Amino acid sequence: LYDPRAYNRSLWLCLLLSAVISFFLNVSQFLVTKHTSAVTLQVLGNIKVVMLIALSVAIFKNEVSSQSITGVALSLSGVALYNAENRRRRG
């Protein structure tokens, strides 16, 4: 019944930090959706995945399959098309 790991301060600090970061992530997603659109939020999510893959390769020297490279290229192409269409509609 007594678990000394449950009273580890660094564990609770990490848990609190995770909760605070998650809160601000949700607030930022709400604000992005409020000021732009849900589609923009999805496009940003795709960009985030591409950046995570690039960081993974740069930092951890992970190998990337040709399928992943194709997916990244398609994602970036979709982002470019979305931005071009937004500019065309505004301009």
PDB file of N, CA and C in Angstrom:
ATOM      1  N   LEU A   1       0.798  -1.198   0.000  1.00  0.00           N
ATOM      2  CA  LEU A   1       0.000   0.000   0.000  1.00  0.00           C
ATOM      3  C   LEU A   1       0.844   1.268   0.000  1.00  0.00           C
ATOM      4  N   TYR A   2       1.995   1.223   0.615  1.00  0.00           N
ATOM      5  CA  TYR A   2       2.881   2.373   0.567  1.00  0.00           C
ATOM      6  C   TYR A   2       3.889   2.163  -0.557  1.00  0.00           C
ATOM      7  N   ASP A   3       3.871   3.048  -1.504  1.00  0.00           N
ATOM      8  CA  ASP A   3       4.794   2.955  -2.625  1.00  0.00           C
ATOM      9  C   ASP A   3       5.677   4.198  -2.632  1.00  0.00           C
ATOM     10  N   PRO A   4       6.946   4.058  -2.277  1.00  0.00           N
ATOM     11  CA  PRO A   4       7.811   5.243  -2.209  1.00  0.00           C
ATOM     12  C   PRO A   4       7.984   5.941  -3.548  1.00  0.00           C
ATOM     13  N   ARG A   5       7.790   5.227  -4.653  1.00  0.00           N
ATOM     14  CA  ARG A   5       7.912   5.869  -5.969  1.00  0.00           C
ATOM     15  C   ARG A   5       6.818   6.899  -6.193  1.00  0.00           C
ATOM     16  N   ALA A   6       5.664   6.723  -5.539  1.00  0.00           N
ATOM     17  CA  ALA A   6       4.549   7.649  -5.717  1.00  0.00           C
ATOM     18  C   ALA A   6       4.834   9.006  -5.066  1.00  0.00           C
ATOM     19  N   TYR A   7       5.833   9.058  -4.212  1.00  0.00           N
ATOM     20  CA  TYR A   7       6.145  10.306  -3.518  1.00  0.00           C
ATOM     21  C   TYR A   7       7.437  10.935  -4.013  1.00  0.00           C
ATOM     22  N   ASN A   8       7.901  10.487  -5.139  1.00  0.00           N
ATOM     23  CA  ASN A   8       9.109  11.024  -5.747  1.00  0.00           C
ATOM     24  C   ASN A   8       8.793  12.409  -6.317  1.00  0.00           C
ATOM     25  N   ARG A   9       9.496  13.425  -5.841  1.00  0.00           N
ATOM     26  CA  ARG A   9       9.219  14.807  -6.264  1.00  0.00           C
ATOM     27  C   ARG A   9       9.433  15.025  -7.751  1.00  0.00           C
ATOM     28  N   SER A  10      10.472  14.438  -8.297  1.00  0.00           N
ATOM     29  CA  SER A  10      10.746  14.669  -9.723  1.00  0.00           C
ATOM     30  C   SER A  10       9.650  14.062 -10.591  1.00  0.00           C
ATOM     31  N   LEU A  11       9.069  12.952 -10.145  1.00  0.00           N
ATOM     32  CA  LEU A  11       7.960  12.360 -10.884  1.00  0.00           C
ATOM     33  C   LEU A  11       6.770  13.316 -10.920  1.00  0.00           C
ATOM     34  N   TRP A  12       6.430  13.883  -9.778  1.00  0.00           N
ATOM     35  CA  TRP A  12       5.297  14.810  -9.710  1.00  0.00           C
ATOM     36  C   TRP A  12       5.592  16.102 -10.466  1.00  0.00           C
ATOM     37  N   LEU A  13       6.840  16.537 -10.435  1.00  0.00           N
ATOM     38  CA  LEU A  13       7.215  17.731 -11.186  1.00  0.00           C
ATOM     39  C   LEU A  13       7.064  17.486 -12.687  1.00  0.00           C
ATOM     40  N   CYS A  14       7.498  16.325 -13.150  1.00  0.00           N
ATOM     41  CA  CYS A  14       7.337  15.984 -14.571  1.00  0.00           C
ATOM     42  C   CYS A  14       5.869  15.887 -14.947  1.00  0.00           C
ATOM     43  N   LEU A  15       5.067  15.308 -14.071  1.00  0.00           N
ATOM     44  CA  LEU A  15       3.635  15.197 -14.323  1.00  0.00           C
ATOM     45  C   LEU A  15       2.988  16.580 -14.405  1.00  0.00           C
ATOM     46  N   LEU A  16       3.348  17.461 -13.486  1.00  0.00           N
ATOM     47  CA  LEU A  16       2.809  18.825 -13.500  1.00  0.00           C
ATOM     48  C   LEU A  16       3.261  19.573 -14.745  1.00  0.00           C
ATOM     49  N   LEU A  17       4.523  19.451 -15.098  1.00  0.00           N
ATOM     50  CA  LEU A  17       5.040  20.114 -16.300  1.00  0.00           C
ATOM     51  C   LEU A  17       4.324  19.611 -17.552  1.00  0.00           C
ATOM     52  N   SER A  18       4.096  18.319 -17.633  1.00  0.00           N
ATOM     53  CA  SER A  18       3.373  17.746 -18.765  1.00  0.00           C
ATOM     54  C   SER A  18       1.954  18.298 -18.852  1.00  0.00           C
ATOM     55  N   ALA A  19       1.295  18.426 -17.706  1.00  0.00           N
ATOM     56  CA  ALA A  19      -0.067  18.964 -17.690  1.00  0.00           C
ATOM     57  C   ALA A  19      -0.094  20.420 -18.142  1.00  0.00           C
ATOM     58  N   VAL A  20       0.865  21.211 -17.698  1.00  0.00           N
ATOM     59  CA  VAL A  20       0.920  22.628 -18.083  1.00  0.00           C
ATOM     60  C   VAL A  20       1.184  22.765 -19.582  1.00  0.00           C
ATOM     61  N   ILE A  21       2.123  21.988 -20.094  1.00  0.00           N
ATOM     62  CA  ILE A  21       2.417  22.035 -21.529  1.00  0.00           C
ATOM     63  C   ILE A  21       1.196  21.612 -22.340  1.00  0.00           C
ATOM     64  N   SER A  22       0.512  20.564 -21.898  1.00  0.00           N
ATOM     65  CA  SER A  22      -0.693  20.108 -22.603  1.00  0.00           C
ATOM     66  C   SER A  22      -1.779  21.167 -22.594  1.00  0.00           C
ATOM     67  N   PHE A  23      -1.924  21.855 -21.470  1.00  0.00           N
ATOM     68  CA  PHE A  23      -2.917  22.926 -21.377  1.00  0.00           C
ATOM     69  C   PHE A  23      -2.633  24.008 -22.413  1.00  0.00           C
ATOM     70  N   PHE A  24      -1.375  24.465 -22.471  1.00  0.00           N
ATOM     71  CA  PHE A  24      -1.040  25.528 -23.419  1.00  0.00           C
ATOM     72  C   PHE A  24      -1.088  25.052 -24.865  1.00  0.00           C
ATOM     73  N   LEU A  25      -0.819  23.788 -25.103  1.00  0.00           N
ATOM     74  CA  LEU A  25      -0.976  23.234 -26.446  1.00  0.00           C
ATOM     75  C   LEU A  25      -2.438  23.319 -26.874  1.00  0.00           C
ATOM     76  N   ASN A  26      -3.342  22.938 -25.982  1.00  0.00           N
ATOM     77  CA  ASN A  26      -4.771  23.011 -26.297  1.00  0.00           C
ATOM     78  C   ASN A  26      -5.230  24.450 -26.507  1.00  0.00           C
ATOM     79  N   VAL A  27      -4.733  25.380 -25.702  1.00  0.00           N
ATOM     80  CA  VAL A  27      -5.083  26.793 -25.869  1.00  0.00           C
ATOM     81  C   VAL A  27      -4.582  27.293 -27.227  1.00  0.00           C
ATOM     82  N   SER A  28      -3.356  26.937 -27.581  1.00  0.00           N
ATOM     83  CA  SER A  28      -2.815  27.395 -28.868  1.00  0.00           C
ATOM     84  C   SER A  28      -3.602  26.806 -30.033  1.00  0.00           C
ATOM     85  N   GLN A  29      -4.005  25.538 -29.931  1.00  0.00           N
ATOM     86  CA  GLN A  29      -4.810  24.943 -30.997  1.00  0.00           C
ATOM     87  C   GLN A  29      -6.167  25.639 -31.105  1.00  0.00           C
ATOM     88  N   PHE A  30      -6.757  25.975 -29.987  1.00  0.00           N
ATOM     89  CA  PHE A  30      -8.022  26.697 -30.005  1.00  0.00           C
ATOM     90  C   PHE A  30      -7.858  28.046 -30.694  1.00  0.00           C
ATOM     91  N   LEU A  31      -6.791  28.769 -30.343  1.00  0.00           N
ATOM     92  CA  LEU A  31      -6.575  30.097 -30.925  1.00  0.00           C
ATOM     93  C   LEU A  31      -6.285  30.018 -32.428  1.00  0.00           C
ATOM     94  N   VAL A  32      -5.517  29.020 -32.842  1.00  0.00           N
ATOM     95  CA  VAL A  32      -5.252  28.856 -34.277  1.00  0.00           C
ATOM     96  C   VAL A  32      -6.562  28.601 -35.011  1.00  0.00           C
ATOM     97  N   THR A  33      -7.396  27.717 -34.458  1.00  0.00           N
ATOM     98  CA  THR A  33      -8.674  27.404 -35.100  1.00  0.00           C
ATOM     99  C   THR A  33      -9.580  28.619 -35.120  1.00  0.00           C
ATOM    100  N   LYS A  34      -9.576  29.388 -34.033  1.00  0.00           N
ATOM    101  CA  LYS A  34     -10.428  30.581 -33.946  1.00  0.00           C
ATOM    102  C   LYS A  34     -10.033  31.625 -34.988  1.00  0.00           C
ATOM    103  N   HIS A  35      -8.739  31.824 -35.177  1.00  0.00           N
ATOM    104  CA  HIS A  35      -8.268  32.896 -36.063  1.00  0.00           C
ATOM    105  C   HIS A  35      -8.057  32.448 -37.503  1.00  0.00           C
ATOM    106  N   THR A  36      -8.031  31.154 -37.745  1.00  0.00           N
ATOM    107  CA  THR A  36      -7.862  30.682 -39.121  1.00  0.00           C
ATOM    108  C   THR A  36      -8.990  29.709 -39.442  1.00  0.00           C
ATOM    109  N   SER A  37      -8.682  28.423 -39.486  1.00  0.00           N
ATOM    110  CA  SER A  37      -9.711  27.407 -39.742  1.00  0.00           C
ATOM    111  C   SER A  37      -9.197  26.053 -39.266  1.00  0.00           C
ATOM    112  N   ALA A  38     -10.107  25.092 -39.219  1.00  0.00           N
ATOM    113  CA  ALA A  38      -9.723  23.745 -38.824  1.00  0.00           C
ATOM    114  C   ALA A  38      -8.780  23.120 -39.849  1.00  0.00           C
ATOM    115  N   VAL A  39      -8.945  23.497 -41.109  1.00  0.00           N
ATOM    116  CA  VAL A  39      -8.066  22.970 -42.153  1.00  0.00           C
ATOM    117  C   VAL A  39      -6.637  23.456 -41.931  1.00  0.00           C
ATOM    118  N   THR A  40      -6.487  24.722 -41.548  1.00  0.00           N
ATOM    119  CA  THR A  40      -5.162  25.263 -41.258  1.00  0.00           C
ATOM    120  C   THR A  40      -4.513  24.503 -40.115  1.00  0.00           C
ATOM    121  N   LEU A  41      -5.294  24.166 -39.110  1.00  0.00           N
ATOM    122  CA  LEU A  41      -4.770  23.399 -37.988  1.00  0.00           C
ATOM    123  C   LEU A  41      -4.271  22.033 -38.460  1.00  0.00           C
ATOM    124  N   GLN A  42      -4.993  21.390 -39.369  1.00  0.00           N
ATOM    125  CA  GLN A  42      -4.568  20.106 -39.908  1.00  0.00           C
ATOM    126  C   GLN A  42      -3.293  20.245 -40.746  1.00  0.00           C
ATOM    127  N   VAL A  43      -3.207  21.319 -41.514  1.00  0.00           N
ATOM    128  CA  VAL A  43      -2.003  21.567 -42.312  1.00  0.00           C
ATOM    129  C   VAL A  43      -0.801  21.760 -41.389  1.00  0.00           C
ATOM    130  N   LEU A  44      -0.993  22.506 -40.314  1.00  0.00           N
ATOM    131  CA  LEU A  44       0.093  22.695 -39.341  1.00  0.00           C
ATOM    132  C   LEU A  44       0.482  21.370 -38.698  1.00  0.00           C
ATOM    133  N   GLY A  45      -0.488  20.510 -38.467  1.00  0.00           N
ATOM    134  CA  GLY A  45      -0.188  19.182 -37.931  1.00  0.00           C
ATOM    135  C   GLY A  45       0.679  18.372 -38.875  1.00  0.00           C
ATOM    136  N   ASN A  46       0.408  18.481 -40.170  1.00  0.00           N
ATOM    137  CA  ASN A  46       1.236  17.789 -41.168  1.00  0.00           C
ATOM    138  C   ASN A  46       2.652  18.340 -41.184  1.00  0.00           C
ATOM    139  N   ILE A  47       2.769  19.647 -41.075  1.00  0.00           N
ATOM    140  CA  ILE A  47       4.098  20.267 -41.037  1.00  0.00           C
ATOM    141  C   ILE A  47       4.856  19.791 -39.794  1.00  0.00           C
ATOM    142  N   LYS A  48       4.149  19.684 -38.677  1.00  0.00           N
ATOM    143  CA  LYS A  48       4.779  19.217 -37.439  1.00  0.00           C
ATOM    144  C   LYS A  48       5.348  17.810 -37.614  1.00  0.00           C
ATOM    145  N   VAL A  49       4.601  16.935 -38.250  1.00  0.00           N
ATOM    146  CA  VAL A  49       5.074  15.563 -38.466  1.00  0.00           C
ATOM    147  C   VAL A  49       6.323  15.566 -39.349  1.00  0.00           C
ATOM    148  N   VAL A  50       6.309  16.361 -40.402  1.00  0.00           N
ATOM    149  CA  VAL A  50       7.474  16.449 -41.290  1.00  0.00           C
ATOM    150  C   VAL A  50       8.686  16.950 -40.513  1.00  0.00           C
ATOM    151  N   MET A  51       8.488  17.957 -39.682  1.00  0.00           N
ATOM    152  CA  MET A  51       9.603  18.492 -38.895  1.00  0.00           C
ATOM    153  C   MET A  51      10.112  17.472 -37.880  1.00  0.00           C
ATOM    154  N   LEU A  52       9.222  16.700 -37.283  1.00  0.00           N
ATOM    155  CA  LEU A  52       9.652  15.660 -36.344  1.00  0.00           C
ATOM    156  C   LEU A  52      10.483  14.591 -37.051  1.00  0.00           C
ATOM    157  N   ILE A  53      10.095  14.237 -38.253  1.00  0.00           N
ATOM    158  CA  ILE A  53      10.879  13.264 -39.022  1.00  0.00           C
ATOM    159  C   ILE A  53      12.255  13.832 -39.328  1.00  0.00           C
ATOM    160  N   ALA A  54      12.295  15.100 -39.755  1.00  0.00           N
ATOM    161  CA  ALA A  54      13.584  15.729 -40.076  1.00  0.00           C
ATOM    162  C   ALA A  54      14.477  15.814 -38.836  1.00  0.00           C
ATOM    163  N   LEU A  55      13.901  16.184 -37.703  1.00  0.00           N
ATOM    164  CA  LEU A  55      14.690  16.252 -36.460  1.00  0.00           C
ATOM    165  C   LEU A  55      15.176  14.874 -36.038  1.00  0.00           C
ATOM    166  N   SER A  56      14.348  13.871 -36.222  1.00  0.00           N
ATOM    167  CA  SER A  56      14.731  12.503 -35.884  1.00  0.00           C
ATOM    168  C   SER A  56      15.927  12.053 -36.713  1.00  0.00           C
ATOM    169  N   VAL A  57      15.898  12.401 -37.985  1.00  0.00           N
ATOM    170  CA  VAL A  57      17.026  12.052 -38.858  1.00  0.00           C
ATOM    171  C   VAL A  57      18.267  12.848 -38.468  1.00  0.00           C
ATOM    172  N   ALA A  58      18.095  14.148 -38.205  1.00  0.00           N
ATOM    173  CA  ALA A  58      19.240  15.005 -37.898  1.00  0.00           C
ATOM    174  C   ALA A  58      19.874  14.668 -36.543  1.00  0.00           C
ATOM    175  N   ILE A  59      19.045  14.416 -35.539  1.00  0.00           N
ATOM    176  CA  ILE A  59      19.579  14.210 -34.191  1.00  0.00           C
ATOM    177  C   ILE A  59      19.971  12.761 -33.938  1.00  0.00           C
ATOM    178  N   PHE A  60      19.072  11.836 -34.284  1.00  0.00           N
ATOM    179  CA  PHE A  60      19.294  10.438 -33.932  1.00  0.00           C
ATOM    180  C   PHE A  60      19.823   9.601 -35.087  1.00  0.00           C
ATOM    181  N   LYS A  61      20.016  10.230 -36.251  1.00  0.00           N
ATOM    182  CA  LYS A  61      20.522   9.535 -37.440  1.00  0.00           C
ATOM    183  C   LYS A  61      19.644   8.348 -37.832  1.00  0.00           C
ATOM    184  N   ASN A  62      18.329   8.494 -37.636  1.00  0.00           N
ATOM    185  CA  ASN A  62      17.393   7.436 -38.036  1.00  0.00           C
ATOM    186  C   ASN A  62      17.335   7.347 -39.558  1.00  0.00           C
ATOM    187  N   GLU A  63      17.164   6.132 -40.030  1.00  0.00           N
ATOM    188  CA  GLU A  63      17.003   5.933 -41.465  1.00  0.00           C
ATOM    189  C   GLU A  63      15.553   6.205 -41.851  1.00  0.00           C
ATOM    190  N   VAL A  64      15.379   6.734 -43.044  1.00  0.00           N
ATOM    191  CA  VAL A  64      14.039   7.042 -43.531  1.00  0.00           C
ATOM    192  C   VAL A  64      13.792   6.208 -44.777  1.00  0.00           C
ATOM    193  N   SER A  65      12.665   5.514 -44.790  1.00  0.00           N
ATOM    194  CA  SER A  65      12.341   4.665 -45.938  1.00  0.00           C
ATOM    195  C   SER A  65      11.875   5.517 -47.111  1.00  0.00           C
ATOM    196  N   SER A  66      11.876   4.923 -48.268  1.00  0.00           N
ATOM    197  CA  SER A  66      11.404   5.639 -49.460  1.00  0.00           C
ATOM    198  C   SER A  66       9.915   5.970 -49.319  1.00  0.00           C
ATOM    199  N   GLN A  67       9.190   5.114 -48.623  1.00  0.00           N
ATOM    200  CA  GLN A  67       7.765   5.384 -48.387  1.00  0.00           C
ATOM    201  C   GLN A  67       7.596   6.630 -47.519  1.00  0.00           C
ATOM    202  N   SER A  68       8.445   6.791 -46.506  1.00  0.00           N
ATOM    203  CA  SER A  68       8.384   7.981 -45.657  1.00  0.00           C
ATOM    204  C   SER A  68       8.763   9.241 -46.436  1.00  0.00           C
ATOM    205  N   ILE A  69       9.771   9.116 -47.283  1.00  0.00           N
ATOM    206  CA  ILE A  69      10.183  10.264 -48.097  1.00  0.00           C
ATOM    207  C   ILE A  69       9.047  10.671 -49.036  1.00  0.00           C
ATOM    208  N   THR A  70       8.372   9.680 -49.610  1.00  0.00           N
ATOM    209  CA  THR A  70       7.229   9.973 -50.476  1.00  0.00           C
ATOM    210  C   THR A  70       6.122  10.667 -49.682  1.00  0.00           C
ATOM    211  N   GLY A  71       5.860  10.195 -48.477  1.00  0.00           N
ATOM    212  CA  GLY A  71       4.848  10.814 -47.629  1.00  0.00           C
ATOM    213  C   GLY A  71       5.197  12.250 -47.265  1.00  0.00           C
ATOM    214  N   VAL A  72       6.460  12.487 -46.946  1.00  0.00           N
ATOM    215  CA  VAL A  72       6.908  13.848 -46.632  1.00  0.00           C
ATOM    216  C   VAL A  72       6.743  14.747 -47.851  1.00  0.00           C
ATOM    217  N   ALA A  73       7.123  14.240 -49.025  1.00  0.00           N
ATOM    218  CA  ALA A  73       6.995  15.039 -50.253  1.00  0.00           C
ATOM    219  C   ALA A  73       5.524  15.356 -50.544  1.00  0.00           C
ATOM    220  N   LEU A  74       4.655  14.379 -50.358  1.00  0.00           N
ATOM    221  CA  LEU A  74       3.226  14.626 -50.574  1.00  0.00           C
ATOM    222  C   LEU A  74       2.677  15.637 -49.574  1.00  0.00           C
ATOM    223  N   SER A  75       3.101  15.516 -48.324  1.00  0.00           N
ATOM    224  CA  SER A  75       2.646  16.463 -47.298  1.00  0.00           C
ATOM    225  C   SER A  75       3.086  17.887 -47.627  1.00  0.00           C
ATOM    226  N   LEU A  76       4.356  18.027 -47.989  1.00  0.00           N
ATOM    227  CA  LEU A  76       4.856  19.364 -48.319  1.00  0.00           C
ATOM    228  C   LEU A  76       4.196  19.914 -49.578  1.00  0.00           C
ATOM    229  N   SER A  77       3.901  19.043 -50.537  1.00  0.00           N
ATOM    230  CA  SER A  77       3.185  19.483 -51.733  1.00  0.00           C
ATOM    231  C   SER A  77       1.781  19.960 -51.379  1.00  0.00           C
ATOM    232  N   GLY A  78       1.125  19.236 -50.498  1.00  0.00           N
ATOM    233  CA  GLY A  78      -0.209  19.640 -50.046  1.00  0.00           C
ATOM    234  C   GLY A  78      -0.187  20.970 -49.322  1.00  0.00           C
ATOM    235  N   VAL A  79       0.823  21.184 -48.494  1.00  0.00           N
ATOM    236  CA  VAL A  79       0.960  22.465 -47.793  1.00  0.00           C
ATOM    237  C   VAL A  79       1.172  23.587 -48.803  1.00  0.00           C
ATOM    238  N   ALA A  80       2.024  23.354 -49.795  1.00  0.00           N
ATOM    239  CA  ALA A  80       2.283  24.373 -50.815  1.00  0.00           C
ATOM    240  C   ALA A  80       1.018  24.700 -51.604  1.00  0.00           C
ATOM    241  N   LEU A  81       0.265  23.668 -51.983  1.00  0.00           N
ATOM    242  CA  LEU A  81      -0.987  23.903 -52.717  1.00  0.00           C
ATOM    243  C   LEU A  81      -2.005  24.652 -51.867  1.00  0.00           C
ATOM    244  N   TYR A  82      -2.102  24.290 -50.604  1.00  0.00           N
ATOM    245  CA  TYR A  82      -3.027  24.968 -49.687  1.00  0.00           C
ATOM    246  C   TYR A  82      -2.663  26.445 -49.559  1.00  0.00           C
ATOM    247  N   ASN A  83      -1.363  26.729 -49.373  1.00  0.00           N
ATOM    248  CA  ASN A  83      -0.919  28.122 -49.253  1.00  0.00           C
ATOM    249  C   ASN A  83      -1.145  28.899 -50.544  1.00  0.00           C
ATOM    250  N   ALA A  84      -0.898  28.259 -51.679  1.00  0.00           N
ATOM    251  CA  ALA A  84      -1.108  28.932 -52.967  1.00  0.00           C
ATOM    252  C   ALA A  84      -2.585  29.275 -53.158  1.00  0.00           C
ATOM    253  N   GLU A  85      -3.453  28.364 -52.804  1.00  0.00           N
ATOM    254  CA  GLU A  85      -4.890  28.618 -52.922  1.00  0.00           C
ATOM    255  C   GLU A  85      -5.346  29.731 -51.968  1.00  0.00           C
ATOM    256  N   ASN A  86      -4.805  29.730 -50.760  1.00  0.00           N
ATOM    257  CA  ASN A  86      -5.142  30.815 -49.828  1.00  0.00           C
ATOM    258  C   ASN A  86      -4.709  32.167 -50.365  1.00  0.00           C
ATOM    259  N   ARG A  87      -3.503  32.219 -50.926  1.00  0.00           N
ATOM    260  CA  ARG A  87      -3.015  33.484 -51.482  1.00  0.00           C
ATOM    261  C   ARG A  87      -3.849  33.923 -52.681  1.00  0.00           C
ATOM    262  N   ARG A  88      -4.250  32.956 -53.503  1.00  0.00           N
ATOM    263  CA  ARG A  88      -5.065  33.279 -54.686  1.00  0.00           C
ATOM    264  C   ARG A  88      -6.421  33.854 -54.247  1.00  0.00           C
ATOM    265  N   ARG A  89      -7.016  33.283 -53.243  1.00  0.00           N
ATOM    266  CA  ARG A  89      -8.323  33.759 -52.775  1.00  0.00           C
ATOM    267  C   ARG A  89      -8.235  35.145 -52.147  1.00  0.00           C
ATOM    268  N   ARG A  90      -7.140  35.432 -51.470  1.00  0.00           N
ATOM    269  CA  ARG A  90      -6.981  36.742 -50.815  1.00  0.00           C
ATOM    270  C   ARG A  90      -6.579  37.820 -51.820  1.00  0.00           C
ATOM    271  N   GLY A  91      -5.839  37.407 -52.829  1.00  0.00           N
ATOM    272  CA  GLY A  91      -5.207  38.365 -53.716  1.00  0.00           C
ATOM    273  C   GLY A  91      -6.031  38.866 -54.807  1.00  0.00           C
TER     274      GLY A  91
END
